[in-house]
Amino acid sequence: MSFFRPGQSASPMPDRLSRTDYYQILTSVLMVILGALILIRSVSGSITIMTLLVGGGFLTLGAYRLNFVIKYFKKRRKCNQM
């Protein structure tokens, strides 16, 4: 058994993204937008720990997932240029 760092896998990089991949990219973008909206509304209104945790959680998780999408497209572009 071998353990990989996040973003690394034993399988080769796919040529095309599936519908599931596009769905996950869309939900990641929406998570970032929703997290930002929650944080903006909490700052303009009453600031509570729950709104900060939920908004920050959505924003962080969405950005974390989008980081892998960006890495995939950079790696794909690099492989296509060679």
Protein backbone atom coordinates (compact mmCIF):
# COMPACT_ATOMS: atom_id res chain seq x y z
CA MET A 1 0.00 0.00 0.00
CA SER A 2 1.36 3.40 -0.89
CA PHE A 3 0.09 6.77 0.16
CA PHE A 4 -0.03 9.75 -2.17
CA ARG A 5 0.06 13.42 -1.46
CA PRO A 6 -3.19 15.25 -2.21
CA GLY A 7 -3.56 15.77 -5.92
CA GLN A 8 -1.43 12.77 -6.89
CA SER A 9 -2.75 9.43 -8.02
CA ALA A 10 -1.43 6.22 -9.47
CA SER A 11 -3.67 6.44 -12.55
CA PRO A 12 -2.59 8.49 -15.57
CA MET A 13 -4.20 11.83 -16.28
CA PRO A 14 -7.45 11.45 -18.27
CA ASP A 15 -7.72 13.04 -21.70
CA ARG A 16 -11.24 14.35 -21.13
CA LEU A 17 -13.24 15.32 -18.09
CA SER A 18 -16.47 13.47 -17.39
CA ARG A 19 -19.84 14.98 -16.56
CA THR A 20 -19.19 14.24 -12.91
CA ASP A 21 -15.96 16.24 -13.06
CA TYR A 22 -17.77 19.22 -14.58
CA TYR A 23 -20.49 18.94 -11.92
CA GLN A 24 -17.86 18.98 -9.16
CA ILE A 25 -16.15 22.00 -10.74
CA LEU A 26 -19.50 23.81 -10.85
CA THR A 27 -20.29 23.00 -7.23
CA SER A 28 -16.80 24.16 -6.19
CA VAL A 29 -17.36 27.53 -7.88
CA LEU A 30 -20.76 27.82 -6.23
CA MET A 31 -19.25 26.98 -2.84
CA VAL A 32 -16.80 29.87 -3.19
CA ILE A 33 -19.58 32.25 -4.19
CA LEU A 34 -21.89 31.09 -1.40
CA GLY A 35 -19.13 31.27 1.21
CA ALA A 36 -18.24 34.81 0.14
CA LEU A 37 -21.90 35.87 0.25
CA ILE A 38 -22.36 34.43 3.73
CA LEU A 39 -19.27 36.22 4.99
CA ILE A 40 -20.27 39.54 3.39
CA ARG A 41 -23.78 39.36 4.85
CA SER A 42 -22.44 38.45 8.29
CA VAL A 43 -20.04 41.41 8.26
CA SER A 44 -22.77 43.83 7.14
CA GLY A 45 -25.24 42.48 9.73
CA SER A 46 -24.69 40.80 13.04
CA ILE A 47 -21.45 38.83 13.20
CA THR A 48 -21.87 35.42 14.80
CA ILE A 49 -19.43 32.57 15.12
CA MET A 50 -21.75 30.25 13.17
CA THR A 51 -21.91 32.49 10.10
CA LEU A 52 -18.14 32.93 10.16
CA LEU A 53 -17.56 29.17 10.42
CA VAL A 54 -20.07 28.22 7.72
CA GLY A 55 -19.06 31.01 5.33
CA GLY A 56 -15.37 30.42 5.91
CA GLY A 57 -15.84 26.68 5.55
CA PHE A 58 -17.63 26.98 2.21
CA LEU A 59 -15.07 29.47 0.95
CA THR A 60 -12.10 27.38 2.06
CA LEU A 61 -13.44 24.06 0.79
CA GLY A 62 -14.44 25.54 -2.57
CA ALA A 63 -11.02 27.17 -3.02
CA TYR A 64 -9.30 23.93 -2.00
CA ARG A 65 -11.24 21.96 -4.61
CA LEU A 66 -10.65 24.59 -7.31
CA ASN A 67 -6.93 24.40 -6.58
CA PHE A 68 -6.93 20.83 -7.92
CA VAL A 69 -8.86 21.89 -11.02
CA ILE A 70 -6.30 24.60 -11.77
CA LYS A 71 -3.44 22.13 -11.26
CA TYR A 72 -5.12 19.67 -13.64
CA PHE A 73 -5.51 22.22 -16.43
CA LYS A 74 -1.94 23.48 -15.99
CA LYS A 75 -0.60 19.95 -16.13
CA ARG A 76 -2.77 19.14 -19.14
CA ARG A 77 -1.57 22.25 -20.98
CA LYS A 78 2.03 21.35 -20.16
CA CYS A 79 1.57 17.79 -21.50
CA ASN A 80 -0.08 19.05 -24.70
CA GLN A 81 2.80 21.43 -25.44
CA MET A 82 5.38 18.64 -25.36
